[in-house]
Amino acid sequence: MFSYGIFIGIAILLIFVQRNSIKGGYRYASQASAPLKTFLLPVPQQYRDILLKYFPYYQRLSKNDRGKFELKVCNFIYGKQFIPRNIDQVTIEAKVLIAASAVQLTFGLPHVYLRHFSRILVYPNNYYSGITKRFHKGEVNPRFRIIVLSWQAFVDGYIDQTDSVNLGLHEMAHALRLENLLREKGTRYIKDADLAEFDRWGMRVCSEGQTFFRPYACVNAHEFFSVAVENFFERPTEFQRELPELYRILSRMLNQDPLQSR
């Protein structure tokens, strides 16, 4: 009887493992097929309508660049699993706008889709982290391949586009830098020399008691990069005037210049 119970237990365990393996395989297949789906499927008109209504960066693009932007948005959405937390579902509107924030950051980097991060967790508001024992608006975890966002904080970041506080851009910048570092040398999106030069300037700016960026920028190099990205897109004129060399380096790293589209 005892051995029969062990047999049943092992059988249940094997079924559980197989089931999860199949689920994982489906998720991987879906993510791997994102480029093909982007190529074969038409861009949903609903995506365009959302971008035209809510996303100024997209609105300022030429017709040709809008088409490229739409395809990158589709590729991003097809390649991610959007997971609701404390909400019933992640809406189409939320998926499109979250994807658009990533595409805004990487638009000058045509082959970058932040593929290392396969899951986007969306909370309605700030959420409590059992790890840090604090409430958060967002975070990026490369170990678990996730990007976590508070939807309310995300929306607030795009409602006011002059305060240089934009959760979407901030967390996507973390994801870009981390994914870049995870890649082998010679295949990185951002050149090591450019990133090293940017970090040197960041240390210099912080050591001189900078007042252009909010103080949080000087917590570490990763936060400095993300805060600089927020300012790059929301206050490019002031950024270029106050820190022209740093602005030039960041523009080269991202292969775009917001001042050229204004």
C-alpha atoms as a PDB file:
ATOM      1  CA  MET A   1       0.000   0.000   0.000  1.00  0.00           C
ATOM      2  CA  PHE A   2       2.830   2.334   0.908  1.00  0.00           C
ATOM      3  CA  SER A   3       4.637   1.683  -2.408  1.00  0.00           C
ATOM      4  CA  TYR A   4       1.372   2.254  -4.293  1.00  0.00           C
ATOM      5  CA  GLY A   5       1.040   5.657  -2.621  1.00  0.00           C
ATOM      6  CA  ILE A   6       4.604   6.540  -3.640  1.00  0.00           C
ATOM      7  CA  PHE A   7       3.841   5.482  -7.221  1.00  0.00           C
ATOM      8  CA  ILE A   8       0.733   7.709  -7.320  1.00  0.00           C
ATOM      9  CA  GLY A   9       2.715  10.612  -5.871  1.00  0.00           C
ATOM     10  CA  ILE A  10       5.467  10.269  -8.462  1.00  0.00           C
ATOM     11  CA  ALA A  11       2.874  10.041 -11.245  1.00  0.00           C
ATOM     12  CA  ILE A  12       1.165  13.253 -10.056  1.00  0.00           C
ATOM     13  CA  LEU A  13       4.542  15.012  -9.840  1.00  0.00           C
ATOM     14  CA  LEU A  14       5.474  13.947 -13.379  1.00  0.00           C
ATOM     15  CA  ILE A  15       2.126  15.147 -14.733  1.00  0.00           C
ATOM     16  CA  PHE A  16       2.598  18.501 -12.961  1.00  0.00           C
ATOM     17  CA  VAL A  17       6.125  18.930 -14.354  1.00  0.00           C
ATOM     18  CA  GLN A  18       5.018  17.941 -17.857  1.00  0.00           C
ATOM     19  CA  ARG A  19       2.073  20.324 -17.736  1.00  0.00           C
ATOM     20  CA  ASN A  20       4.262  23.237 -16.692  1.00  0.00           C
ATOM     21  CA  SER A  21       6.846  22.291 -19.299  1.00  0.00           C
ATOM     22  CA  ILE A  22       4.169  22.395 -21.998  1.00  0.00           C
ATOM     23  CA  LYS A  23       2.943  25.770 -20.749  1.00  0.00           C
ATOM     24  CA  GLY A  24       6.499  27.078 -20.798  1.00  0.00           C
ATOM     25  CA  GLY A  25       6.953  25.705 -24.301  1.00  0.00           C
ATOM     26  CA  TYR A  26       3.841  27.492 -25.508  1.00  0.00           C
ATOM     27  CA  ARG A  27       5.024  30.762 -23.986  1.00  0.00           C
ATOM     28  CA  TYR A  28       8.455  30.387 -25.558  1.00  0.00           C
ATOM     29  CA  ALA A  29       6.954  29.533 -28.942  1.00  0.00           C
ATOM     30  CA  SER A  30       4.675  32.557 -28.760  1.00  0.00           C
ATOM     31  CA  GLN A  31       7.576  34.868 -27.932  1.00  0.00           C
ATOM     32  CA  ALA A  32       9.831  33.343 -30.587  1.00  0.00           C
ATOM     33  CA  SER A  33       7.125  33.799 -33.208  1.00  0.00           C
ATOM     34  CA  ALA A  34       6.725  37.521 -32.474  1.00  0.00           C
ATOM     35  CA  PRO A  35       8.819  38.687 -35.469  1.00  0.00           C
ATOM     36  CA  LEU A  36       6.911  36.393 -37.843  1.00  0.00           C
ATOM     37  CA  LYS A  37       3.525  37.477 -36.472  1.00  0.00           C
ATOM     38  CA  THR A  38       4.582  41.112 -36.832  1.00  0.00           C
ATOM     39  CA  PHE A  39       5.537  40.505 -40.460  1.00  0.00           C
ATOM     40  CA  LEU A  40       2.417  38.515 -41.400  1.00  0.00           C
ATOM     41  CA  LEU A  41      -0.370  40.167 -39.422  1.00  0.00           C
ATOM     42  CA  PRO A  42      -1.716  43.648 -40.173  1.00  0.00           C
ATOM     43  CA  VAL A  43      -1.324  46.289 -37.494  1.00  0.00           C
ATOM     44  CA  PRO A  44      -4.662  46.427 -35.623  1.00  0.00           C
ATOM     45  CA  GLN A  45      -6.420  49.733 -36.251  1.00  0.00           C
ATOM     46  CA  GLN A  46      -7.188  49.851 -32.543  1.00  0.00           C
ATOM     47  CA  TYR A  47      -3.443  50.122 -31.851  1.00  0.00           C
ATOM     48  CA  ARG A  48      -3.143  53.117 -34.184  1.00  0.00           C
ATOM     49  CA  ASP A  49      -6.179  54.792 -32.615  1.00  0.00           C
ATOM     50  CA  ILE A  50      -4.717  54.419 -29.120  1.00  0.00           C
ATOM     51  CA  LEU A  51      -1.328  55.795 -30.189  1.00  0.00           C
ATOM     52  CA  LEU A  52      -2.918  58.746 -32.008  1.00  0.00           C
ATOM     53  CA  LYS A  53      -5.062  59.599 -29.015  1.00  0.00           C
ATOM     54  CA  TYR A  54      -2.587  59.176 -26.172  1.00  0.00           C
ATOM     55  CA  PHE A  55       1.024  59.093 -27.358  1.00  0.00           C
ATOM     56  CA  PRO A  56       2.585  62.457 -28.403  1.00  0.00           C
ATOM     57  CA  TYR A  57       5.893  60.896 -29.449  1.00  0.00           C
ATOM     58  CA  TYR A  58       4.051  58.844 -32.068  1.00  0.00           C
ATOM     59  CA  GLN A  59       1.934  61.822 -33.098  1.00  0.00           C
ATOM     60  CA  ARG A  60       5.039  63.820 -34.039  1.00  0.00           C
ATOM     61  CA  LEU A  61       6.475  61.122 -36.300  1.00  0.00           C
ATOM     62  CA  SER A  62       6.298  61.163 -40.086  1.00  0.00           C
ATOM     63  CA  LYS A  63       3.941  58.744 -41.809  1.00  0.00           C
ATOM     64  CA  ASN A  64       6.824  56.411 -42.646  1.00  0.00           C
ATOM     65  CA  ASP A  65       8.195  56.467 -39.098  1.00  0.00           C
ATOM     66  CA  ARG A  66       4.728  55.881 -37.679  1.00  0.00           C
ATOM     67  CA  GLY A  67       4.594  52.658 -39.656  1.00  0.00           C
ATOM     68  CA  LYS A  68       7.936  51.548 -38.196  1.00  0.00           C
ATOM     69  CA  PHE A  69       6.781  52.507 -34.711  1.00  0.00           C
ATOM     70  CA  GLU A  70       3.576  50.483 -35.083  1.00  0.00           C
ATOM     71  CA  LEU A  71       5.502  47.385 -36.134  1.00  0.00           C
ATOM     72  CA  LYS A  72       7.817  47.655 -33.152  1.00  0.00           C
ATOM     73  CA  VAL A  73       4.813  48.008 -30.854  1.00  0.00           C
ATOM     74  CA  CYS A  74       3.258  44.862 -32.336  1.00  0.00           C
ATOM     75  CA  ASN A  75       6.525  42.945 -32.017  1.00  0.00           C
ATOM     76  CA  PHE A  76       6.855  43.979 -28.381  1.00  0.00           C
ATOM     77  CA  ILE A  77       3.277  42.969 -27.535  1.00  0.00           C
ATOM     78  CA  TYR A  78       3.501  39.624 -29.350  1.00  0.00           C
ATOM     79  CA  GLY A  79       6.752  38.810 -27.582  1.00  0.00           C
ATOM     80  CA  LYS A  80       5.607  39.490 -24.005  1.00  0.00           C
ATOM     81  CA  GLN A  81       3.245  37.935 -21.515  1.00  0.00           C
ATOM     82  CA  PHE A  82       1.230  40.674 -19.797  1.00  0.00           C
ATOM     83  CA  ILE A  83       0.219  39.528 -16.330  1.00  0.00           C
ATOM     84  CA  PRO A  84      -2.449  41.356 -14.281  1.00  0.00           C
ATOM     85  CA  ARG A  85      -1.861  41.784 -10.562  1.00  0.00           C
ATOM     86  CA  ASN A  86      -4.824  42.798  -8.383  1.00  0.00           C
ATOM     87  CA  ILE A  87      -6.779  43.607 -11.551  1.00  0.00           C
ATOM     88  CA  ASP A  88      -8.937  41.438 -13.777  1.00  0.00           C
ATOM     89  CA  GLN A  89      -6.915  41.918 -16.949  1.00  0.00           C
ATOM     90  CA  VAL A  90      -4.319  44.036 -18.705  1.00  0.00           C
ATOM     91  CA  THR A  91      -6.338  45.980 -21.259  1.00  0.00           C
ATOM     92  CA  ILE A  92      -5.384  46.427 -24.912  1.00  0.00           C
ATOM     93  CA  GLU A  93      -4.880  50.128 -24.187  1.00  0.00           C
ATOM     94  CA  ALA A  94      -2.422  49.326 -21.403  1.00  0.00           C
ATOM     95  CA  LYS A  95      -0.513  46.827 -23.551  1.00  0.00           C
ATOM     96  CA  VAL A  96      -0.186  49.309 -26.423  1.00  0.00           C
ATOM     97  CA  LEU A  97       0.958  52.199 -24.252  1.00  0.00           C
ATOM     98  CA  ILE A  98       3.424  50.111 -22.236  1.00  0.00           C
ATOM     99  CA  ALA A  99       4.843  48.754 -25.489  1.00  0.00           C
ATOM    100  CA  ALA A 100       4.974  52.295 -26.879  1.00  0.00           C
ATOM    101  CA  SER A 101       7.094  53.489 -23.943  1.00  0.00           C
ATOM    102  CA  ALA A 102       9.627  50.755 -24.728  1.00  0.00           C
ATOM    103  CA  VAL A 103       9.554  51.591 -28.434  1.00  0.00           C
ATOM    104  CA  GLN A 104       9.978  55.316 -27.715  1.00  0.00           C
ATOM    105  CA  LEU A 105      13.200  54.510 -25.890  1.00  0.00           C
ATOM    106  CA  THR A 106      14.493  52.021 -28.487  1.00  0.00           C
ATOM    107  CA  PHE A 107      13.151  53.581 -31.684  1.00  0.00           C
ATOM    108  CA  GLY A 108      16.644  54.484 -32.832  1.00  0.00           C
ATOM    109  CA  LEU A 109      17.803  50.915 -32.146  1.00  0.00           C
ATOM    110  CA  PRO A 110      15.843  48.995 -34.804  1.00  0.00           C
ATOM    111  CA  HIS A 111      16.591  45.450 -33.629  1.00  0.00           C
ATOM    112  CA  VAL A 112      16.062  45.989 -29.905  1.00  0.00           C
ATOM    113  CA  TYR A 113      12.847  44.629 -28.349  1.00  0.00           C
ATOM    114  CA  LEU A 114      14.030  43.916 -24.775  1.00  0.00           C
ATOM    115  CA  ARG A 115      13.516  40.214 -25.461  1.00  0.00           C
ATOM    116  CA  HIS A 116      15.251  39.124 -22.270  1.00  0.00           C
ATOM    117  CA  PHE A 117      12.227  40.418 -20.366  1.00  0.00           C
ATOM    118  CA  SER A 118       9.411  38.090 -21.306  1.00  0.00           C
ATOM    119  CA  ARG A 119       6.837  39.092 -18.692  1.00  0.00           C
ATOM    120  CA  ILE A 120       5.239  42.440 -17.851  1.00  0.00           C
ATOM    121  CA  LEU A 121       3.471  42.525 -14.469  1.00  0.00           C
ATOM    122  CA  VAL A 122       0.886  45.291 -14.151  1.00  0.00           C
ATOM    123  CA  TYR A 123      -0.518  46.472 -10.810  1.00  0.00           C
ATOM    124  CA  PRO A 124      -3.269  49.086 -10.531  1.00  0.00           C
ATOM    125  CA  ASN A 125      -1.300  51.240  -8.060  1.00  0.00           C
ATOM    126  CA  ASN A 126       1.875  51.148  -6.023  1.00  0.00           C
ATOM    127  CA  TYR A 127       2.542  47.623  -4.760  1.00  0.00           C
ATOM    128  CA  TYR A 128       4.276  46.154  -1.744  1.00  0.00           C
ATOM    129  CA  SER A 129       7.499  44.229  -2.301  1.00  0.00           C
ATOM    130  CA  GLY A 130       8.154  41.313   0.025  1.00  0.00           C
ATOM    131  CA  ILE A 131      11.855  41.590  -0.843  1.00  0.00           C
ATOM    132  CA  THR A 132      12.484  45.261  -0.009  1.00  0.00           C
ATOM    133  CA  LYS A 133       9.576  45.565   2.463  1.00  0.00           C
ATOM    134  CA  ARG A 134       8.583  48.806   0.771  1.00  0.00           C
ATOM    135  CA  PHE A 135       5.974  50.044  -1.682  1.00  0.00           C
ATOM    136  CA  HIS A 136       7.140  50.434  -5.284  1.00  0.00           C
ATOM    137  CA  LYS A 137       5.898  52.041  -8.490  1.00  0.00           C
ATOM    138  CA  GLY A 138       7.981  49.790 -10.700  1.00  0.00           C
ATOM    139  CA  GLU A 139      11.028  47.576 -10.949  1.00  0.00           C
ATOM    140  CA  VAL A 140      13.011  45.409 -13.333  1.00  0.00           C
ATOM    141  CA  ASN A 141      14.207  41.942 -12.370  1.00  0.00           C
ATOM    142  CA  PRO A 142      16.589  40.347 -14.900  1.00  0.00           C
ATOM    143  CA  ARG A 143      16.781  37.086 -12.942  1.00  0.00           C
ATOM    144  CA  PHE A 144      13.057  36.451 -13.332  1.00  0.00           C
ATOM    145  CA  ARG A 145      12.920  38.276 -16.691  1.00  0.00           C
ATOM    146  CA  ILE A 146      10.167  40.613 -15.548  1.00  0.00           C
ATOM    147  CA  ILE A 147       9.279  44.287 -15.723  1.00  0.00           C
ATOM    148  CA  VAL A 148       6.809  45.433 -13.059  1.00  0.00           C
ATOM    149  CA  LEU A 149       4.696  48.579 -13.378  1.00  0.00           C
ATOM    150  CA  SER A 150       2.052  50.474 -11.452  1.00  0.00           C
ATOM    151  CA  TRP A 151      -0.512  51.413 -14.098  1.00  0.00           C
ATOM    152  CA  GLN A 152      -1.542  54.609 -12.286  1.00  0.00           C
ATOM    153  CA  ALA A 153       2.070  55.772 -11.988  1.00  0.00           C
ATOM    154  CA  PHE A 154       2.652  54.861 -15.633  1.00  0.00           C
ATOM    155  CA  VAL A 155      -0.308  56.969 -16.753  1.00  0.00           C
ATOM    156  CA  ASP A 156       0.727  59.885 -14.529  1.00  0.00           C
ATOM    157  CA  GLY A 157       4.134  59.895 -16.205  1.00  0.00           C
ATOM    158  CA  TYR A 158       2.589  60.577 -19.602  1.00  0.00           C
ATOM    159  CA  ILE A 159      -0.101  63.003 -18.383  1.00  0.00           C
ATOM    160  CA  ASP A 160       2.581  65.466 -17.298  1.00  0.00           C
ATOM    161  CA  GLN A 161       5.328  65.385 -19.897  1.00  0.00           C
ATOM    162  CA  THR A 162       7.333  68.290 -18.511  1.00  0.00           C
ATOM    163  CA  ASP A 163       8.237  67.115 -14.994  1.00  0.00           C
ATOM    164  CA  SER A 164      10.793  64.521 -16.130  1.00  0.00           C
ATOM    165  CA  VAL A 165       9.182  61.809 -14.034  1.00  0.00           C
ATOM    166  CA  ASN A 166       8.032  59.037 -16.342  1.00  0.00           C
ATOM    167  CA  LEU A 167       7.754  55.533 -14.921  1.00  0.00           C
ATOM    168  CA  GLY A 168       7.494  53.834 -18.316  1.00  0.00           C
ATOM    169  CA  LEU A 169      10.655  55.410 -19.690  1.00  0.00           C
ATOM    170  CA  HIS A 170      12.438  54.977 -16.352  1.00  0.00           C
ATOM    171  CA  GLU A 171      11.830  51.229 -16.067  1.00  0.00           C
ATOM    172  CA  MET A 172      12.383  50.570 -19.775  1.00  0.00           C
ATOM    173  CA  ALA A 173      15.711  52.364 -19.459  1.00  0.00           C
ATOM    174  CA  HIS A 174      16.655  49.994 -16.619  1.00  0.00           C
ATOM    175  CA  ALA A 175      15.626  47.049 -18.797  1.00  0.00           C
ATOM    176  CA  LEU A 176      17.645  48.324 -21.761  1.00  0.00           C
ATOM    177  CA  ARG A 177      20.801  48.844 -19.746  1.00  0.00           C
ATOM    178  CA  LEU A 178      20.520  45.486 -17.967  1.00  0.00           C
ATOM    179  CA  GLU A 179      19.782  43.556 -21.152  1.00  0.00           C
ATOM    180  CA  ASN A 180      22.692  45.300 -22.847  1.00  0.00           C
ATOM    181  CA  LEU A 181      25.038  44.203 -20.048  1.00  0.00           C
ATOM    182  CA  LEU A 182      23.766  40.614 -20.254  1.00  0.00           C
ATOM    183  CA  ARG A 183      24.807  40.350 -23.897  1.00  0.00           C
ATOM    184  CA  GLU A 184      28.328  39.283 -24.850  1.00  0.00           C
ATOM    185  CA  LYS A 185      30.816  41.903 -25.906  1.00  0.00           C
ATOM    186  CA  GLY A 186      30.589  42.633 -29.588  1.00  0.00           C
ATOM    187  CA  THR A 187      26.818  42.073 -29.657  1.00  0.00           C
ATOM    188  CA  ARG A 188      25.757  44.820 -27.263  1.00  0.00           C
ATOM    189  CA  TYR A 189      23.272  47.464 -28.364  1.00  0.00           C
ATOM    190  CA  ILE A 190      25.193  50.217 -26.625  1.00  0.00           C
ATOM    191  CA  LYS A 191      28.941  50.357 -27.094  1.00  0.00           C
ATOM    192  CA  ASP A 192      30.948  49.761 -23.940  1.00  0.00           C
ATOM    193  CA  ALA A 193      32.992  52.893 -24.631  1.00  0.00           C
ATOM    194  CA  ASP A 194      29.870  55.053 -24.916  1.00  0.00           C
ATOM    195  CA  LEU A 195      28.375  53.668 -21.715  1.00  0.00           C
ATOM    196  CA  ALA A 196      31.670  54.104 -19.862  1.00  0.00           C
ATOM    197  CA  GLU A 197      31.906  57.710 -21.074  1.00  0.00           C
ATOM    198  CA  PHE A 198      28.310  58.328 -20.012  1.00  0.00           C
ATOM    199  CA  ASP A 199      28.981  56.894 -16.543  1.00  0.00           C
ATOM    200  CA  ARG A 200      32.110  59.038 -16.139  1.00  0.00           C
ATOM    201  CA  TRP A 201      30.070  62.121 -16.917  1.00  0.00           C
ATOM    202  CA  GLY A 202      27.400  60.943 -14.502  1.00  0.00           C
ATOM    203  CA  MET A 203      29.925  60.596 -11.683  1.00  0.00           C
ATOM    204  CA  ARG A 204      31.326  64.012 -12.510  1.00  0.00           C
ATOM    205  CA  VAL A 205      27.910  65.666 -12.560  1.00  0.00           C
ATOM    206  CA  CYS A 206      26.926  64.080  -9.240  1.00  0.00           C
ATOM    207  CA  SER A 207      30.238  64.866  -7.552  1.00  0.00           C
ATOM    208  CA  GLU A 208      29.839  68.526  -8.511  1.00  0.00           C
ATOM    209  CA  GLY A 209      26.496  68.667  -6.727  1.00  0.00           C
ATOM    210  CA  GLN A 210      24.297  68.763  -9.804  1.00  0.00           C
ATOM    211  CA  THR A 211      20.876  70.379  -9.543  1.00  0.00           C
ATOM    212  CA  PHE A 212      19.445  69.678 -13.012  1.00  0.00           C
ATOM    213  CA  PHE A 213      18.321  66.098 -12.316  1.00  0.00           C
ATOM    214  CA  ARG A 214      16.302  65.140  -9.258  1.00  0.00           C
ATOM    215  CA  PRO A 215      18.517  63.847  -6.400  1.00  0.00           C
ATOM    216  CA  TYR A 216      17.485  60.221  -6.985  1.00  0.00           C
ATOM    217  CA  ALA A 217      19.637  60.244 -10.125  1.00  0.00           C
ATOM    218  CA  CYS A 218      22.782  60.061  -8.027  1.00  0.00           C
ATOM    219  CA  VAL A 219      21.869  56.895  -6.107  1.00  0.00           C
ATOM    220  CA  ASN A 220      23.901  54.794  -8.577  1.00  0.00           C
ATOM    221  CA  ALA A 221      24.850  54.579 -12.257  1.00  0.00           C
ATOM    222  CA  HIS A 222      21.705  52.667 -13.205  1.00  0.00           C
ATOM    223  CA  GLU A 223      19.393  55.262 -11.653  1.00  0.00           C
ATOM    224  CA  PHE A 224      21.392  58.068 -13.227  1.00  0.00           C
ATOM    225  CA  PHE A 225      20.892  56.513 -16.655  1.00  0.00           C
ATOM    226  CA  SER A 226      17.140  56.087 -16.145  1.00  0.00           C
ATOM    227  CA  VAL A 227      16.626  59.608 -14.796  1.00  0.00           C
ATOM    228  CA  ALA A 228      18.717  61.013 -17.640  1.00  0.00           C
ATOM    229  CA  VAL A 229      16.466  59.171 -20.118  1.00  0.00           C
ATOM    230  CA  GLU A 230      13.376  60.751 -18.540  1.00  0.00           C
ATOM    231  CA  ASN A 231      14.904  64.215 -18.951  1.00  0.00           C
ATOM    232  CA  PHE A 232      16.175  63.409 -22.444  1.00  0.00           C
ATOM    233  CA  PHE A 233      12.623  62.895 -23.702  1.00  0.00           C
ATOM    234  CA  GLU A 234      10.690  65.316 -21.499  1.00  0.00           C
ATOM    235  CA  ARG A 235      13.116  68.266 -21.194  1.00  0.00           C
ATOM    236  CA  PRO A 236      15.485  67.925 -24.161  1.00  0.00           C
ATOM    237  CA  THR A 237      15.941  71.675 -24.683  1.00  0.00           C
ATOM    238  CA  GLU A 238      16.917  72.299 -21.075  1.00  0.00           C
ATOM    239  CA  PHE A 239      19.017  69.130 -20.932  1.00  0.00           C
ATOM    240  CA  GLN A 240      20.973  70.080 -24.054  1.00  0.00           C
ATOM    241  CA  ARG A 241      21.530  73.610 -22.726  1.00  0.00           C
ATOM    242  CA  GLU A 242      22.598  72.607 -19.203  1.00  0.00           C
ATOM    243  CA  LEU A 243      24.584  69.432 -19.940  1.00  0.00           C
ATOM    244  CA  PRO A 244      25.395  69.491 -23.666  1.00  0.00           C
ATOM    245  CA  GLU A 245      28.109  66.824 -23.612  1.00  0.00           C
ATOM    246  CA  LEU A 246      26.029  64.373 -21.604  1.00  0.00           C
ATOM    247  CA  TYR A 247      23.077  65.026 -23.899  1.00  0.00           C
ATOM    248  CA  ARG A 248      25.252  64.362 -26.947  1.00  0.00           C
ATOM    249  CA  ILE A 249      26.495  61.052 -25.549  1.00  0.00           C
ATOM    250  CA  LEU A 250      22.980  59.870 -24.665  1.00  0.00           C
ATOM    251  CA  SER A 251      21.715  60.886 -28.089  1.00  0.00           C
ATOM    252  CA  ARG A 252      24.472  58.801 -29.669  1.00  0.00           C
ATOM    253  CA  MET A 253      23.739  55.835 -27.413  1.00  0.00           C
ATOM    254  CA  LEU A 254      20.026  55.834 -28.254  1.00  0.00           C
ATOM    255  CA  ASN A 255      20.583  56.878 -31.866  1.00  0.00           C
ATOM    256  CA  GLN A 256      17.955  59.604 -31.740  1.00  0.00           C
ATOM    257  CA  ASP A 257      17.554  63.254 -30.805  1.00  0.00           C
ATOM    258  CA  PRO A 258      14.200  64.475 -29.439  1.00  0.00           C
ATOM    259  CA  LEU A 259      15.083  68.049 -30.403  1.00  0.00           C
ATOM    260  CA  GLN A 260      14.959  67.094 -34.077  1.00  0.00           C
ATOM    261  CA  SER A 261      11.295  66.095 -33.843  1.00  0.00           C
ATOM    262  CA  ARG A 262      10.003  69.202 -32.061  1.00  0.00           C
END
